[in-house]
């Protein structure tokens, strides 16, 4: 069983490493808006949470049947690092509110959707006698991702 779910376990781990190393520390501490002032982090956090809810809710309507694509999409979320760095240190037109809100929305949406997809598909990808154990392993890797992402998020604040 361990060989069958190492991809999804890695996917769920990397989802939360990426998410929590960026959100909420980077969004709450490193960004400024002259127009929105103190409301900017509040609005970004709201955008993230609504997008996360939308992503989780989308699985009620569509769940892809290819778990490898979900793992690939989870790994592709590593691209959020350079994108957020460019929005923080790049050209002035990228330092505005709209690109940051779009990125924050995508971060939240992909977090919610891919987490749900991997948690739905992984127990289905193993023999039914192993499905409960696979769900427990996935939850453990989700926890490892939460801890790892929280520790990495501390470096954004530095």
C-alpha atoms as a PDB file:
ATOM      1  CA  UNK A   1       0.000   0.000   0.000  1.00  0.00           C
ATOM      2  CA  UNK A   2       2.802   2.437   0.825  1.00  0.00           C
ATOM      3  CA  UNK A   3       4.006   2.400  -2.768  1.00  0.00           C
ATOM      4  CA  UNK A   4       0.531   3.082  -4.107  1.00  0.00           C
ATOM      5  CA  UNK A   5      -0.055   6.223  -2.067  1.00  0.00           C
ATOM      6  CA  UNK A   6       3.393   7.790  -1.927  1.00  0.00           C
ATOM      7  CA  UNK A   7       2.447  10.141  -4.789  1.00  0.00           C
ATOM      8  CA  UNK A   8      -0.804  11.353  -3.221  1.00  0.00           C
ATOM      9  CA  UNK A   9       0.889  11.610   0.199  1.00  0.00           C
ATOM     10  CA  UNK A  10       3.618  13.768  -1.344  1.00  0.00           C
ATOM     11  CA  UNK A  11       0.934  15.823  -3.115  1.00  0.00           C
ATOM     12  CA  UNK A  12      -0.990  16.569   0.069  1.00  0.00           C
ATOM     13  CA  UNK A  13       2.278  17.331   1.886  1.00  0.00           C
ATOM     14  CA  UNK A  14       3.448  19.799  -0.779  1.00  0.00           C
ATOM     15  CA  UNK A  15       0.031  21.481  -0.952  1.00  0.00           C
ATOM     16  CA  UNK A  16       0.245  22.509   2.683  1.00  0.00           C
ATOM     17  CA  UNK A  17       3.961  23.297   2.603  1.00  0.00           C
ATOM     18  CA  UNK A  18       3.324  25.805  -0.181  1.00  0.00           C
ATOM     19  CA  UNK A  19       0.092  27.195   1.236  1.00  0.00           C
ATOM     20  CA  UNK A  20       1.182  27.760   4.799  1.00  0.00           C
ATOM     21  CA  UNK A  21       4.618  29.050   3.915  1.00  0.00           C
ATOM     22  CA  UNK A  22       2.888  31.850   1.985  1.00  0.00           C
ATOM     23  CA  UNK A  23      -0.449  32.278   3.738  1.00  0.00           C
ATOM     24  CA  UNK A  24      -1.185  34.039   6.098  1.00  0.00           C
ATOM     25  CA  UNK A  25       2.284  35.321   7.093  1.00  0.00           C
ATOM     26  CA  UNK A  26       3.364  36.794   3.774  1.00  0.00           C
ATOM     27  CA  UNK A  27      -0.075  38.196   3.044  1.00  0.00           C
ATOM     28  CA  UNK A  28      -0.601  39.727   6.475  1.00  0.00           C
ATOM     29  CA  UNK A  29       2.921  41.036   7.081  1.00  0.00           C
ATOM     30  CA  UNK A  30       4.703  41.875   3.823  1.00  0.00           C
ATOM     31  CA  UNK A  31       2.078  43.617   1.707  1.00  0.00           C
ATOM     32  CA  UNK A  32       0.924  47.215   1.709  1.00  0.00           C
ATOM     33  CA  UNK A  33      -1.787  49.087  -0.129  1.00  0.00           C
ATOM     34  CA  UNK A  34      -2.181  52.854  -0.205  1.00  0.00           C
ATOM     35  CA  UNK A  35      -5.784  52.531  -1.339  1.00  0.00           C
ATOM     36  CA  UNK A  36      -6.972  49.807   1.043  1.00  0.00           C
ATOM     37  CA  UNK A  37      -4.597  50.585   3.950  1.00  0.00           C
ATOM     38  CA  UNK A  38      -5.220  48.292   6.935  1.00  0.00           C
ATOM     39  CA  UNK A  39      -8.084  46.554   5.125  1.00  0.00           C
ATOM     40  CA  UNK A  40      -5.744  45.019   2.541  1.00  0.00           C
ATOM     41  CA  UNK A  41      -4.654  41.965   4.555  1.00  0.00           C
ATOM     42  CA  UNK A  42      -8.227  41.456   5.766  1.00  0.00           C
ATOM     43  CA  UNK A  43      -9.542  41.503   2.205  1.00  0.00           C
ATOM     44  CA  UNK A  44      -6.789  39.136   1.005  1.00  0.00           C
ATOM     45  CA  UNK A  45      -7.493  36.694   3.827  1.00  0.00           C
ATOM     46  CA  UNK A  46     -11.189  36.834   2.976  1.00  0.00           C
ATOM     47  CA  UNK A  47     -10.427  36.211  -0.713  1.00  0.00           C
ATOM     48  CA  UNK A  48      -8.252  33.230   0.236  1.00  0.00           C
ATOM     49  CA  UNK A  49     -10.897  31.699   2.497  1.00  0.00           C
ATOM     50  CA  UNK A  50     -13.717  32.162  -0.024  1.00  0.00           C
ATOM     51  CA  UNK A  51     -11.561  30.649  -2.781  1.00  0.00           C
ATOM     52  CA  UNK A  52     -10.645  27.708  -0.540  1.00  0.00           C
ATOM     53  CA  UNK A  53     -14.347  27.114   0.158  1.00  0.00           C
ATOM     54  CA  UNK A  54     -15.139  27.321  -3.562  1.00  0.00           C
ATOM     55  CA  UNK A  55     -12.372  24.827  -4.353  1.00  0.00           C
ATOM     56  CA  UNK A  56     -13.607  22.361  -1.757  1.00  0.00           C
ATOM     57  CA  UNK A  57     -17.188  22.804  -2.942  1.00  0.00           C
ATOM     58  CA  UNK A  58     -16.264  22.183  -6.586  1.00  0.00           C
ATOM     59  CA  UNK A  59     -15.533  18.537  -5.777  1.00  0.00           C
ATOM     60  CA  UNK A  60     -19.278  18.058  -5.281  1.00  0.00           C
ATOM     61  CA  UNK A  61     -19.611  18.668  -9.031  1.00  0.00           C
ATOM     62  CA  UNK A  62     -16.359  17.487 -10.579  1.00  0.00           C
ATOM     63  CA  UNK A  63     -13.611  15.147  -9.417  1.00  0.00           C
ATOM     64  CA  UNK A  64     -11.039  14.118 -12.022  1.00  0.00           C
ATOM     65  CA  UNK A  65     -10.432  10.395 -12.223  1.00  0.00           C
ATOM     66  CA  UNK A  66      -6.677  10.669 -12.856  1.00  0.00           C
ATOM     67  CA  UNK A  67      -4.866  10.938  -9.543  1.00  0.00           C
ATOM     68  CA  UNK A  68      -1.548  11.579 -11.327  1.00  0.00           C
ATOM     69  CA  UNK A  69      -2.871  14.858 -12.710  1.00  0.00           C
ATOM     70  CA  UNK A  70      -3.891  15.951  -9.224  1.00  0.00           C
ATOM     71  CA  UNK A  71      -0.407  15.101  -7.931  1.00  0.00           C
ATOM     72  CA  UNK A  72       1.135  17.035 -10.828  1.00  0.00           C
ATOM     73  CA  UNK A  73      -1.089  20.024 -10.135  1.00  0.00           C
ATOM     74  CA  UNK A  74      -0.146  19.901  -6.447  1.00  0.00           C
ATOM     75  CA  UNK A  75       3.538  19.898  -7.376  1.00  0.00           C
ATOM     76  CA  UNK A  76       2.996  22.724  -9.879  1.00  0.00           C
ATOM     77  CA  UNK A  77       1.859  24.865  -6.938  1.00  0.00           C
ATOM     78  CA  UNK A  78       5.579  25.388  -6.246  1.00  0.00           C
ATOM     79  CA  UNK A  79       5.285  28.073  -8.933  1.00  0.00           C
ATOM     80  CA  UNK A  80       3.450  30.204  -6.389  1.00  0.00           C
ATOM     81  CA  UNK A  81       6.802  30.995  -4.737  1.00  0.00           C
ATOM     82  CA  UNK A  82       8.316  32.891  -7.671  1.00  0.00           C
ATOM     83  CA  UNK A  83       4.950  34.432  -8.523  1.00  0.00           C
ATOM     84  CA  UNK A  84       4.487  35.879  -5.046  1.00  0.00           C
ATOM     85  CA  UNK A  85       8.108  37.046  -4.953  1.00  0.00           C
ATOM     86  CA  UNK A  86       7.648  38.818  -8.292  1.00  0.00           C
ATOM     87  CA  UNK A  87       4.504  40.504  -6.959  1.00  0.00           C
ATOM     88  CA  UNK A  88       6.451  41.684  -3.919  1.00  0.00           C
ATOM     89  CA  UNK A  89       9.722  42.745  -5.577  1.00  0.00           C
ATOM     90  CA  UNK A  90       8.874  42.974  -9.280  1.00  0.00           C
ATOM     91  CA  UNK A  91       7.661  45.773 -11.507  1.00  0.00           C
ATOM     92  CA  UNK A  92       5.287  48.348 -10.058  1.00  0.00           C
ATOM     93  CA  UNK A  93       2.300  47.161 -12.097  1.00  0.00           C
ATOM     94  CA  UNK A  94       2.579  43.751 -10.388  1.00  0.00           C
ATOM     95  CA  UNK A  95       2.790  45.290  -6.916  1.00  0.00           C
ATOM     96  CA  UNK A  96      -0.817  46.451  -7.166  1.00  0.00           C
ATOM     97  CA  UNK A  97      -3.840  44.948  -5.446  1.00  0.00           C
ATOM     98  CA  UNK A  98      -5.370  43.121  -8.432  1.00  0.00           C
ATOM     99  CA  UNK A  99      -2.477  40.720  -9.235  1.00  0.00           C
ATOM    100  CA  UNK A 100      -2.092  39.931  -5.536  1.00  0.00           C
ATOM    101  CA  UNK A 101      -5.812  39.218  -5.161  1.00  0.00           C
ATOM    102  CA  UNK A 102      -5.749  36.952  -8.218  1.00  0.00           C
ATOM    103  CA  UNK A 103      -2.739  35.045  -6.868  1.00  0.00           C
ATOM    104  CA  UNK A 104      -4.317  34.781  -3.425  1.00  0.00           C
ATOM    105  CA  UNK A 105      -7.538  33.515  -4.989  1.00  0.00           C
ATOM    106  CA  UNK A 106      -5.624  30.888  -6.985  1.00  0.00           C
ATOM    107  CA  UNK A 107      -3.652  29.852  -3.906  1.00  0.00           C
ATOM    108  CA  UNK A 108      -6.852  29.320  -1.922  1.00  0.00           C
ATOM    109  CA  UNK A 109      -8.804  27.685  -4.735  1.00  0.00           C
ATOM    110  CA  UNK A 110      -6.092  25.187  -5.619  1.00  0.00           C
ATOM    111  CA  UNK A 111      -5.517  24.450  -1.934  1.00  0.00           C
ATOM    112  CA  UNK A 112      -9.158  23.562  -1.348  1.00  0.00           C
ATOM    113  CA  UNK A 113      -9.739  21.724  -4.610  1.00  0.00           C
ATOM    114  CA  UNK A 114      -6.567  19.660  -4.742  1.00  0.00           C
ATOM    115  CA  UNK A 115      -6.755  18.713  -1.072  1.00  0.00           C
ATOM    116  CA  UNK A 116     -10.296  17.459  -1.529  1.00  0.00           C
ATOM    117  CA  UNK A 117      -9.489  15.641  -4.777  1.00  0.00           C
ATOM    118  CA  UNK A 118      -6.500  13.823  -3.287  1.00  0.00           C
ATOM    119  CA  UNK A 119      -8.398  12.922  -0.124  1.00  0.00           C
ATOM    120  CA  UNK A 120     -11.278  11.560  -2.224  1.00  0.00           C
ATOM    121  CA  UNK A 121      -9.245   9.640  -4.810  1.00  0.00           C
ATOM    122  CA  UNK A 122      -6.519   8.121  -2.637  1.00  0.00           C
ATOM    123  CA  UNK A 123      -8.704   5.676  -0.669  1.00  0.00           C
ATOM    124  CA  UNK A 124     -10.335   4.678  -3.971  1.00  0.00           C
ATOM    125  CA  UNK A 125      -6.944   3.917  -5.529  1.00  0.00           C
ATOM    126  CA  UNK A 126      -6.107   1.082  -3.127  1.00  0.00           C
ATOM    127  CA  UNK A 127      -7.830  -2.180  -2.281  1.00  0.00           C
ATOM    128  CA  UNK A 128     -10.950  -1.641  -0.172  1.00  0.00           C
ATOM    129  CA  UNK A 129      -9.333  -3.374   2.814  1.00  0.00           C
ATOM    130  CA  UNK A 130      -6.550  -0.765   2.750  1.00  0.00           C
ATOM    131  CA  UNK A 131      -8.680   2.328   2.138  1.00  0.00           C
ATOM    132  CA  UNK A 132      -9.057   3.255   5.803  1.00  0.00           C
ATOM    133  CA  UNK A 133      -5.317   2.977   6.408  1.00  0.00           C
ATOM    134  CA  UNK A 134      -4.607   5.048   3.299  1.00  0.00           C
ATOM    135  CA  UNK A 135      -6.890   7.799   4.604  1.00  0.00           C
ATOM    136  CA  UNK A 136      -5.029   7.752   7.930  1.00  0.00           C
ATOM    137  CA  UNK A 137      -1.667   8.013   6.138  1.00  0.00           C
ATOM    138  CA  UNK A 138      -2.989  10.907   4.033  1.00  0.00           C
ATOM    139  CA  UNK A 139      -4.143  12.692   7.178  1.00  0.00           C
ATOM    140  CA  UNK A 140      -0.706  12.188   8.729  1.00  0.00           C
ATOM    141  CA  UNK A 141       0.988  13.716   5.673  1.00  0.00           C
ATOM    142  CA  UNK A 142      -1.497  16.578   5.760  1.00  0.00           C
ATOM    143  CA  UNK A 143      -0.371  17.160   9.356  1.00  0.00           C
ATOM    144  CA  UNK A 144       3.312  17.011   8.349  1.00  0.00           C
ATOM    145  CA  UNK A 145       2.572  19.572   5.632  1.00  0.00           C
ATOM    146  CA  UNK A 146       0.800  21.819   8.127  1.00  0.00           C
ATOM    147  CA  UNK A 147       3.766  21.750  10.492  1.00  0.00           C
ATOM    148  CA  UNK A 148       6.361  22.141   7.748  1.00  0.00           C
ATOM    149  CA  UNK A 149       4.481  24.953   6.043  1.00  0.00           C
ATOM    150  CA  UNK A 150       4.018  26.779   9.332  1.00  0.00           C
ATOM    151  CA  UNK A 151       7.743  26.597  10.044  1.00  0.00           C
ATOM    152  CA  UNK A 152       8.619  27.768   6.526  1.00  0.00           C
ATOM    153  CA  UNK A 153       6.048  30.560   6.797  1.00  0.00           C
ATOM    154  CA  UNK A 154       8.114  32.035   9.581  1.00  0.00           C
ATOM    155  CA  UNK A 155      10.864  32.814   7.060  1.00  0.00           C
ATOM    156  CA  UNK A 156       8.549  35.067   5.009  1.00  0.00           C
ATOM    157  CA  UNK A 157       8.129  37.268   8.061  1.00  0.00           C
ATOM    158  CA  UNK A 158      11.878  37.570   8.588  1.00  0.00           C
END
